[in-house]
ModelCIF file with pLDDT and N, C-alpha, C, O atoms, coordinates in Angstrom:
data_MODEL
#
_entry.id   MODEL 
#
_entity.id                         1 
_entity.type                       polymer 
_entity.pdbx_number_of_molecules   1 
#
_entity_poly.entity_id                      1 
_entity_poly.type                           'polypeptide(L)' 
_entity_poly.nstd_linkage                   no 
_entity_poly.nstd_monomer                   no 
_entity_poly.pdbx_seq_one_letter_code       YSGFGPNYYNIGWYRQAPGKEREPVSCIVSSDGRTWYED 
_entity_poly.pdbx_seq_one_letter_code_can   YSGFGPNYYNIGWYRQAPGKEREPVSCIVSSDGRTWYED 
_entity_poly.pdbx_strand_id                 A 
#
loop_
_entity_poly_seq.entity_id 
_entity_poly_seq.num 
_entity_poly_seq.mon_id 
_entity_poly_seq.hetero 
1 1  TYR n 
1 2  SER n 
1 3  GLY n 
1 4  PHE n 
1 5  GLY n 
1 6  PRO n 
1 7  ASN n 
1 8  TYR n 
1 9  TYR n 
1 10 ASN n 
1 11 ILE n 
1 12 GLY n 
1 13 TRP n 
1 14 TYR n 
1 15 ARG n 
1 16 GLN n 
1 17 ALA n 
1 18 PRO n 
1 19 GLY n 
1 20 LYS n 
1 21 GLU n 
1 22 ARG n 
1 23 GLU n 
1 24 PRO n 
1 25 VAL n 
1 26 SER n 
1 27 CYS n 
1 28 ILE n 
1 29 VAL n 
1 30 SER n 
1 31 SER n 
1 32 ASP n 
1 33 GLY n 
1 34 ARG n 
1 35 THR n 
1 36 TRP n 
1 37 TYR n 
1 38 GLU n 
1 39 ASP n 
#
_struct_asym.id          A 
_struct_asym.entity_id   1 
#
loop_
_ma_qa_metric.id 
_ma_qa_metric.mode 
_ma_qa_metric.name 
_ma_qa_metric.software_group_id 
_ma_qa_metric.type 
1 global pLDDT . pLDDT 
2 local  pLDDT . pLDDT 
#
_ma_qa_metric_global.metric_id      1 
_ma_qa_metric_global.metric_value   93.54 
_ma_qa_metric_global.model_id       1 
_ma_qa_metric_global.ordinal_id     1 
#
loop_
_ma_qa_metric_local.label_asym_id 
_ma_qa_metric_local.label_comp_id 
_ma_qa_metric_local.label_seq_id 
_ma_qa_metric_local.metric_id 
_ma_qa_metric_local.metric_value 
_ma_qa_metric_local.model_id 
_ma_qa_metric_local.ordinal_id 
A TYR 1  2 93.00 1 1  
A SER 2  2 93.00 1 2  
A GLY 3  2 90.00 1 3  
A PHE 4  2 84.00 1 4  
A GLY 5  2 79.00 1 5  
A PRO 6  2 70.00 1 6  
A ASN 7  2 80.00 1 7  
A TYR 8  2 86.00 1 8  
A TYR 9  2 91.00 1 9  
A ASN 10 2 95.00 1 10 
A ILE 11 2 95.00 1 11 
A GLY 12 2 97.00 1 12 
A TRP 13 2 98.00 1 13 
A TYR 14 2 98.00 1 14 
A ARG 15 2 98.00 1 15 
A GLN 16 2 98.00 1 16 
A ALA 17 2 97.00 1 17 
A PRO 18 2 92.00 1 18 
A GLY 19 2 95.00 1 19 
A LYS 20 2 97.00 1 20 
A GLU 21 2 97.00 1 21 
A ARG 22 2 97.00 1 22 
A GLU 23 2 97.00 1 23 
A PRO 24 2 97.00 1 24 
A VAL 25 2 98.00 1 25 
A SER 26 2 98.00 1 26 
A CYS 27 2 97.00 1 27 
A ILE 28 2 97.00 1 28 
A VAL 29 2 95.00 1 29 
A SER 30 2 91.00 1 30 
A SER 31 2 90.00 1 31 
A ASP 32 2 91.00 1 32 
A GLY 33 2 92.00 1 33 
A ARG 34 2 96.00 1 34 
A THR 35 2 98.00 1 35 
A TRP 36 2 97.00 1 36 
A TYR 37 2 98.00 1 37 
A GLU 38 2 98.00 1 38 
A ASP 39 2 98.00 1 39 
#
loop_
_atom_site.group_PDB 
_atom_site.id 
_atom_site.type_symbol 
_atom_site.label_atom_id 
_atom_site.label_alt_id 
_atom_site.label_comp_id 
_atom_site.label_asym_id 
_atom_site.label_entity_id 
_atom_site.label_seq_id 
_atom_site.pdbx_PDB_ins_code 
_atom_site.Cartn_x 
_atom_site.Cartn_y 
_atom_site.Cartn_z 
_atom_site.occupancy 
_atom_site.B_iso_or_equiv 
_atom_site.pdbx_formal_charge 
_atom_site.auth_seq_id 
_atom_site.auth_comp_id 
_atom_site.auth_asym_id 
_atom_site.auth_atom_id 
_atom_site.pdbx_PDB_model_num 
ATOM 1   N N  . TYR A 1 1  ? 0.623   -1.132  -0.021 1.00 93.00 ? 1  TYR A N  1 
ATOM 2   C CA . TYR A 1 1  ? -0.132  -0.070  -0.024 1.00 93.00 ? 1  TYR A CA 1 
ATOM 3   C C  . TYR A 1 1  ? 1.046   1.546   -0.138 1.00 93.00 ? 1  TYR A C  1 
ATOM 4   O O  . TYR A 1 1  ? 2.274   1.604   -0.198 1.00 93.00 ? 1  TYR A O  1 
ATOM 5   N N  . SER A 1 2  ? 0.133   2.512   -0.131 1.00 93.00 ? 2  SER A N  1 
ATOM 6   C CA . SER A 1 2  ? 1.028   3.536   -0.498 1.00 93.00 ? 2  SER A CA 1 
ATOM 7   C C  . SER A 1 2  ? -0.390  4.358   -0.462 1.00 93.00 ? 2  SER A C  1 
ATOM 8   O O  . SER A 1 2  ? -1.537  3.991   -0.718 1.00 93.00 ? 2  SER A O  1 
ATOM 9   N N  . GLY A 1 3  ? 0.325   6.025   0.094  1.00 90.00 ? 3  GLY A N  1 
ATOM 10  C CA . GLY A 1 3  ? -0.853  7.152   -0.306 1.00 90.00 ? 3  GLY A CA 1 
ATOM 11  C C  . GLY A 1 3  ? -1.582  6.941   1.230  1.00 90.00 ? 3  GLY A C  1 
ATOM 12  O O  . GLY A 1 3  ? -2.766  7.235   1.063  1.00 90.00 ? 3  GLY A O  1 
ATOM 13  N N  . PHE A 1 4  ? -1.418  6.658   2.270  1.00 84.00 ? 4  PHE A N  1 
ATOM 14  C CA . PHE A 1 4  ? -2.084  6.953   3.305  1.00 84.00 ? 4  PHE A CA 1 
ATOM 15  C C  . PHE A 1 4  ? -1.023  6.247   4.852  1.00 84.00 ? 4  PHE A C  1 
ATOM 16  O O  . PHE A 1 4  ? -0.281  5.268   4.785  1.00 84.00 ? 4  PHE A O  1 
ATOM 17  N N  . GLY A 1 5  ? -1.269  7.067   6.050  1.00 79.00 ? 5  GLY A N  1 
ATOM 18  C CA . GLY A 1 5  ? -0.641  6.465   7.153  1.00 79.00 ? 5  GLY A CA 1 
ATOM 19  C C  . GLY A 1 5  ? -0.981  5.277   7.078  1.00 79.00 ? 5  GLY A C  1 
ATOM 20  O O  . GLY A 1 5  ? -2.045  5.015   6.517  1.00 79.00 ? 5  GLY A O  1 
ATOM 21  N N  . PRO A 1 6  ? -0.102  4.148   7.669  1.00 70.00 ? 6  PRO A N  1 
ATOM 22  C CA . PRO A 1 6  ? -0.790  2.921   8.189  1.00 70.00 ? 6  PRO A CA 1 
ATOM 23  C C  . PRO A 1 6  ? -2.011  3.025   9.237  1.00 70.00 ? 6  PRO A C  1 
ATOM 24  O O  . PRO A 1 6  ? -2.560  1.929   9.340  1.00 70.00 ? 6  PRO A O  1 
ATOM 25  N N  . ASN A 1 7  ? -2.534  3.913   9.957  1.00 80.00 ? 7  ASN A N  1 
ATOM 26  C CA . ASN A 1 7  ? -3.425  3.775   11.095 1.00 80.00 ? 7  ASN A CA 1 
ATOM 27  C C  . ASN A 1 7  ? -4.353  4.492   11.133 1.00 80.00 ? 7  ASN A C  1 
ATOM 28  O O  . ASN A 1 7  ? -4.918  4.628   12.218 1.00 80.00 ? 7  ASN A O  1 
ATOM 29  N N  . TYR A 1 8  ? -4.889  5.275   9.852  1.00 86.00 ? 8  TYR A N  1 
ATOM 30  C CA . TYR A 1 8  ? -5.540  6.007   9.894  1.00 86.00 ? 8  TYR A CA 1 
ATOM 31  C C  . TYR A 1 8  ? -7.106  5.428   9.726  1.00 86.00 ? 8  TYR A C  1 
ATOM 32  O O  . TYR A 1 8  ? -8.082  5.749   10.403 1.00 86.00 ? 8  TYR A O  1 
ATOM 33  N N  . TYR A 1 9  ? -7.050  4.586   8.743  1.00 91.00 ? 9  TYR A N  1 
ATOM 34  C CA . TYR A 1 9  ? -8.469  3.469   8.376  1.00 91.00 ? 9  TYR A CA 1 
ATOM 35  C C  . TYR A 1 9  ? -7.966  2.196   8.691  1.00 91.00 ? 9  TYR A C  1 
ATOM 36  O O  . TYR A 1 9  ? -6.824  1.850   8.995  1.00 91.00 ? 9  TYR A O  1 
ATOM 37  N N  . ASN A 1 10 ? -9.104  1.498   8.557  1.00 95.00 ? 10 ASN A N  1 
ATOM 38  C CA . ASN A 1 10 ? -9.455  -0.246  9.026  1.00 95.00 ? 10 ASN A CA 1 
ATOM 39  C C  . ASN A 1 10 ? -8.426  -0.399  7.434  1.00 95.00 ? 10 ASN A C  1 
ATOM 40  O O  . ASN A 1 10 ? -8.073  0.290   6.477  1.00 95.00 ? 10 ASN A O  1 
ATOM 41  N N  . ILE A 1 11 ? -8.298  -1.704  7.946  1.00 95.00 ? 11 ILE A N  1 
ATOM 42  C CA . ILE A 1 11 ? -7.444  -2.351  5.888  1.00 95.00 ? 11 ILE A CA 1 
ATOM 43  C C  . ILE A 1 11 ? -7.319  -3.552  6.255  1.00 95.00 ? 11 ILE A C  1 
ATOM 44  O O  . ILE A 1 11 ? -6.734  -3.955  7.260  1.00 95.00 ? 11 ILE A O  1 
ATOM 45  N N  . GLY A 1 12 ? -8.042  -4.361  5.192  1.00 97.00 ? 12 GLY A N  1 
ATOM 46  C CA . GLY A 1 12 ? -8.501  -5.968  5.236  1.00 97.00 ? 12 GLY A CA 1 
ATOM 47  C C  . GLY A 1 12 ? -8.137  -6.174  3.873  1.00 97.00 ? 12 GLY A C  1 
ATOM 48  O O  . GLY A 1 12 ? -7.490  -5.539  3.040  1.00 97.00 ? 12 GLY A O  1 
ATOM 49  N N  . TRP A 1 13 ? -8.795  -7.336  3.906  1.00 98.00 ? 13 TRP A N  1 
ATOM 50  C CA . TRP A 1 13 ? -9.267  -8.351  3.067  1.00 98.00 ? 13 TRP A CA 1 
ATOM 51  C C  . TRP A 1 13 ? -10.785 -8.703  2.425  1.00 98.00 ? 13 TRP A C  1 
ATOM 52  O O  . TRP A 1 13 ? -11.556 -9.128  3.286  1.00 98.00 ? 13 TRP A O  1 
ATOM 53  N N  . TYR A 1 14 ? -11.239 -8.625  1.350  1.00 98.00 ? 14 TYR A N  1 
ATOM 54  C CA . TYR A 1 14 ? -12.761 -9.372  0.772  1.00 98.00 ? 14 TYR A CA 1 
ATOM 55  C C  . TYR A 1 14 ? -12.801 -9.807  -0.091 1.00 98.00 ? 14 TYR A C  1 
ATOM 56  O O  . TYR A 1 14 ? -11.983 -9.405  -0.918 1.00 98.00 ? 14 TYR A O  1 
ATOM 57  N N  . ARG A 1 15 ? -13.515 -10.632 -0.402 1.00 98.00 ? 15 ARG A N  1 
ATOM 58  C CA . ARG A 1 15 ? -13.802 -11.782 -1.665 1.00 98.00 ? 15 ARG A CA 1 
ATOM 59  C C  . ARG A 1 15 ? -14.438 -11.796 -1.901 1.00 98.00 ? 15 ARG A C  1 
ATOM 60  O O  . ARG A 1 15 ? -15.279 -11.311 -1.145 1.00 98.00 ? 15 ARG A O  1 
ATOM 61  N N  . GLN A 1 16 ? -15.099 -12.556 -3.721 1.00 98.00 ? 16 GLN A N  1 
ATOM 62  C CA . GLN A 1 16 ? -16.030 -12.203 -4.273 1.00 98.00 ? 16 GLN A CA 1 
ATOM 63  C C  . GLN A 1 16 ? -15.306 -13.667 -4.879 1.00 98.00 ? 16 GLN A C  1 
ATOM 64  O O  . GLN A 1 16 ? -14.229 -14.258 -4.964 1.00 98.00 ? 16 GLN A O  1 
ATOM 65  N N  . ALA A 1 17 ? -16.557 -13.749 -5.175 1.00 97.00 ? 17 ALA A N  1 
ATOM 66  C CA . ALA A 1 17 ? -17.095 -15.527 -5.464 1.00 97.00 ? 17 ALA A CA 1 
ATOM 67  C C  . ALA A 1 17 ? -17.642 -15.370 -6.627 1.00 97.00 ? 17 ALA A C  1 
ATOM 68  O O  . ALA A 1 17 ? -18.133 -14.251 -6.483 1.00 97.00 ? 17 ALA A O  1 
ATOM 69  N N  . PRO A 1 18 ? -18.048 -15.876 -8.244 1.00 92.00 ? 18 PRO A N  1 
ATOM 70  C CA . PRO A 1 18 ? -18.861 -15.856 -9.346 1.00 92.00 ? 18 PRO A CA 1 
ATOM 71  C C  . PRO A 1 18 ? -20.300 -16.026 -8.996 1.00 92.00 ? 18 PRO A C  1 
ATOM 72  O O  . PRO A 1 18 ? -20.884 -16.990 -8.501 1.00 92.00 ? 18 PRO A O  1 
ATOM 73  N N  . GLY A 1 19 ? -20.732 -14.845 -9.377 1.00 95.00 ? 19 GLY A N  1 
ATOM 74  C CA . GLY A 1 19 ? -22.259 -14.791 -8.891 1.00 95.00 ? 19 GLY A CA 1 
ATOM 75  C C  . GLY A 1 19 ? -22.354 -14.398 -7.438 1.00 95.00 ? 19 GLY A C  1 
ATOM 76  O O  . GLY A 1 19 ? -23.306 -13.656 -7.197 1.00 95.00 ? 19 GLY A O  1 
ATOM 77  N N  . LYS A 1 20 ? -21.727 -14.664 -6.599 1.00 97.00 ? 20 LYS A N  1 
ATOM 78  C CA . LYS A 1 20 ? -21.837 -14.123 -4.915 1.00 97.00 ? 20 LYS A CA 1 
ATOM 79  C C  . LYS A 1 20 ? -21.499 -12.721 -4.925 1.00 97.00 ? 20 LYS A C  1 
ATOM 80  O O  . LYS A 1 20 ? -20.729 -12.327 -5.801 1.00 97.00 ? 20 LYS A O  1 
ATOM 81  N N  . GLU A 1 21 ? -21.966 -11.907 -4.071 1.00 97.00 ? 21 GLU A N  1 
ATOM 82  C CA . GLU A 1 21 ? -21.535 -10.095 -3.579 1.00 97.00 ? 21 GLU A CA 1 
ATOM 83  C C  . GLU A 1 21 ? -20.282 -10.753 -3.244 1.00 97.00 ? 21 GLU A C  1 
ATOM 84  O O  . GLU A 1 21 ? -19.921 -11.925 -3.140 1.00 97.00 ? 21 GLU A O  1 
ATOM 85  N N  . ARG A 1 22 ? -19.764 -9.664  -3.117 1.00 97.00 ? 22 ARG A N  1 
ATOM 86  C CA . ARG A 1 22 ? -18.674 -9.434  -2.213 1.00 97.00 ? 22 ARG A CA 1 
ATOM 87  C C  . ARG A 1 22 ? -18.415 -9.424  -1.212 1.00 97.00 ? 22 ARG A C  1 
ATOM 88  O O  . ARG A 1 22 ? -19.176 -8.541  -0.814 1.00 97.00 ? 22 ARG A O  1 
ATOM 89  N N  . GLU A 1 23 ? -17.662 -9.867  -0.034 1.00 97.00 ? 23 GLU A N  1 
ATOM 90  C CA . GLU A 1 23 ? -17.751 -9.782  1.286  1.00 97.00 ? 23 GLU A CA 1 
ATOM 91  C C  . GLU A 1 23 ? -16.487 -9.707  1.779  1.00 97.00 ? 23 GLU A C  1 
ATOM 92  O O  . GLU A 1 23 ? -15.413 -9.674  1.178  1.00 97.00 ? 23 GLU A O  1 
ATOM 93  N N  . PRO A 1 24 ? -16.818 -9.675  3.334  1.00 97.00 ? 24 PRO A N  1 
ATOM 94  C CA . PRO A 1 24 ? -15.205 -9.155  4.191  1.00 97.00 ? 24 PRO A CA 1 
ATOM 95  C C  . PRO A 1 24 ? -15.542 -10.539 4.123  1.00 97.00 ? 24 PRO A C  1 
ATOM 96  O O  . PRO A 1 24 ? -16.452 -11.266 3.725  1.00 97.00 ? 24 PRO A O  1 
ATOM 97  N N  . VAL A 1 25 ? -13.705 -10.638 5.038  1.00 98.00 ? 25 VAL A N  1 
ATOM 98  C CA . VAL A 1 25 ? -12.658 -11.555 5.286  1.00 98.00 ? 25 VAL A CA 1 
ATOM 99  C C  . VAL A 1 25 ? -11.581 -11.417 6.474  1.00 98.00 ? 25 VAL A C  1 
ATOM 100 O O  . VAL A 1 25 ? -11.093 -12.423 6.988  1.00 98.00 ? 25 VAL A O  1 
ATOM 101 N N  . SER A 1 26 ? -11.353 -10.548 6.746  1.00 98.00 ? 26 SER A N  1 
ATOM 102 C CA . SER A 1 26 ? -10.279 -9.819  7.656  1.00 98.00 ? 26 SER A CA 1 
ATOM 103 C C  . SER A 1 26 ? -10.084 -8.739  7.804  1.00 98.00 ? 26 SER A C  1 
ATOM 104 O O  . SER A 1 26 ? -9.521  -8.302  6.800  1.00 98.00 ? 26 SER A O  1 
ATOM 105 N N  . CYS A 1 27 ? -10.226 -8.050  8.480  1.00 97.00 ? 27 CYS A N  1 
ATOM 106 C CA . CYS A 1 27 ? -9.468  -6.629  8.265  1.00 97.00 ? 27 CYS A CA 1 
ATOM 107 C C  . CYS A 1 27 ? -8.588  -6.694  10.422 1.00 97.00 ? 27 CYS A C  1 
ATOM 108 O O  . CYS A 1 27 ? -8.679  -7.279  11.502 1.00 97.00 ? 27 CYS A O  1 
ATOM 109 N N  . ILE A 1 28 ? -7.753  -5.448  9.584  1.00 97.00 ? 28 ILE A N  1 
ATOM 110 C CA . ILE A 1 28 ? -6.745  -4.860  11.088 1.00 97.00 ? 28 ILE A CA 1 
ATOM 111 C C  . ILE A 1 28 ? -7.825  -3.449  11.545 1.00 97.00 ? 28 ILE A C  1 
ATOM 112 O O  . ILE A 1 28 ? -8.335  -2.788  10.640 1.00 97.00 ? 28 ILE A O  1 
ATOM 113 N N  . VAL A 1 29 ? -8.063  -3.130  12.889 1.00 95.00 ? 29 VAL A N  1 
ATOM 114 C CA . VAL A 1 29 ? -8.834  -2.202  13.067 1.00 95.00 ? 29 VAL A CA 1 
ATOM 115 C C  . VAL A 1 29 ? -8.094  -0.876  13.269 1.00 95.00 ? 29 VAL A C  1 
ATOM 116 O O  . VAL A 1 29 ? -7.216  -1.041  14.116 1.00 95.00 ? 29 VAL A O  1 
ATOM 117 N N  . SER A 1 30 ? -8.125  0.274   12.840 1.00 91.00 ? 30 SER A N  1 
ATOM 118 C CA . SER A 1 30 ? -7.061  0.997   12.799 1.00 91.00 ? 30 SER A CA 1 
ATOM 119 C C  . SER A 1 30 ? -6.652  1.656   14.301 1.00 91.00 ? 30 SER A C  1 
ATOM 120 O O  . SER A 1 30 ? -5.484  1.974   14.524 1.00 91.00 ? 30 SER A O  1 
ATOM 121 N N  . SER A 1 31 ? -7.757  1.841   15.351 1.00 90.00 ? 31 SER A N  1 
ATOM 122 C CA . SER A 1 31 ? -7.794  2.456   16.325 1.00 90.00 ? 31 SER A CA 1 
ATOM 123 C C  . SER A 1 31 ? -7.006  1.726   17.567 1.00 90.00 ? 31 SER A C  1 
ATOM 124 O O  . SER A 1 31 ? -6.484  2.394   18.460 1.00 90.00 ? 31 SER A O  1 
ATOM 125 N N  . ASP A 1 32 ? -6.975  0.560   17.544 1.00 91.00 ? 32 ASP A N  1 
ATOM 126 C CA . ASP A 1 32 ? -6.106  -0.748  18.655 1.00 91.00 ? 32 ASP A CA 1 
ATOM 127 C C  . ASP A 1 32 ? -5.531  -1.819  17.705 1.00 91.00 ? 32 ASP A C  1 
ATOM 128 O O  . ASP A 1 32 ? -5.058  -2.694  18.432 1.00 91.00 ? 32 ASP A O  1 
ATOM 129 N N  . GLY A 1 33 ? -5.337  -2.185  16.252 1.00 92.00 ? 33 GLY A N  1 
ATOM 130 C CA . GLY A 1 33 ? -4.592  -2.540  16.102 1.00 92.00 ? 33 GLY A CA 1 
ATOM 131 C C  . GLY A 1 33 ? -5.100  -4.104  16.222 1.00 92.00 ? 33 GLY A C  1 
ATOM 132 O O  . GLY A 1 33 ? -4.341  -5.072  16.159 1.00 92.00 ? 33 GLY A O  1 
ATOM 133 N N  . ARG A 1 34 ? -6.628  -4.174  16.419 1.00 96.00 ? 34 ARG A N  1 
ATOM 134 C CA . ARG A 1 34 ? -7.208  -5.633  16.995 1.00 96.00 ? 34 ARG A CA 1 
ATOM 135 C C  . ARG A 1 34 ? -7.569  -6.323  15.029 1.00 96.00 ? 34 ARG A C  1 
ATOM 136 O O  . ARG A 1 34 ? -7.337  -5.705  13.990 1.00 96.00 ? 34 ARG A O  1 
ATOM 137 N N  . THR A 1 35 ? -8.011  -7.359  15.140 1.00 98.00 ? 35 THR A N  1 
ATOM 138 C CA . THR A 1 35 ? -8.385  -8.319  13.994 1.00 98.00 ? 35 THR A CA 1 
ATOM 139 C C  . THR A 1 35 ? -9.546  -8.588  14.246 1.00 98.00 ? 35 THR A C  1 
ATOM 140 O O  . THR A 1 35 ? -9.876  -8.681  15.428 1.00 98.00 ? 35 THR A O  1 
ATOM 141 N N  . TRP A 1 36 ? -10.543 -8.800  13.156 1.00 97.00 ? 36 TRP A N  1 
ATOM 142 C CA . TRP A 1 36 ? -11.258 -9.239  12.776 1.00 97.00 ? 36 TRP A CA 1 
ATOM 143 C C  . TRP A 1 36 ? -11.442 -10.579 11.379 1.00 97.00 ? 36 TRP A C  1 
ATOM 144 O O  . TRP A 1 36 ? -10.678 -10.662 10.417 1.00 97.00 ? 36 TRP A O  1 
ATOM 145 N N  . TYR A 1 37 ? -12.460 -11.353 11.601 1.00 98.00 ? 37 TYR A N  1 
ATOM 146 C CA . TYR A 1 37 ? -12.729 -12.386 10.776 1.00 98.00 ? 37 TYR A CA 1 
ATOM 147 C C  . TYR A 1 37 ? -13.189 -12.974 10.913 1.00 98.00 ? 37 TYR A C  1 
ATOM 148 O O  . TYR A 1 37 ? -13.187 -13.636 11.951 1.00 98.00 ? 37 TYR A O  1 
ATOM 149 N N  . GLU A 1 38 ? -14.432 -13.260 9.243  1.00 98.00 ? 38 GLU A N  1 
ATOM 150 C CA . GLU A 1 38 ? -15.507 -13.963 9.124  1.00 98.00 ? 38 GLU A CA 1 
ATOM 151 C C  . GLU A 1 38 ? -15.305 -15.515 9.738  1.00 98.00 ? 38 GLU A C  1 
ATOM 152 O O  . GLU A 1 38 ? -14.309 -16.119 10.137 1.00 98.00 ? 38 GLU A O  1 
ATOM 153 N N  . ASP A 1 39 ? -16.370 -15.783 9.653  1.00 98.00 ? 39 ASP A N  1 
ATOM 154 C CA . ASP A 1 39 ? -16.628 -17.302 10.735 1.00 98.00 ? 39 ASP A CA 1 
ATOM 155 C C  . ASP A 1 39 ? -16.400 -18.403 9.599  1.00 98.00 ? 39 ASP A C  1 
ATOM 156 O O  . ASP A 1 39 ? -16.479 -19.600 9.875  1.00 98.00 ? 39 ASP A O  1 
#
């Protein structure tokens, strides 16, 4: 990544399978570094 500081926005991953809506997979919360995962 480039163009922003590392701790101002949540950053993570989405995925999209054919015929499906794009869904969040995992992210890092900018405020405290906590992580989140799809079940």
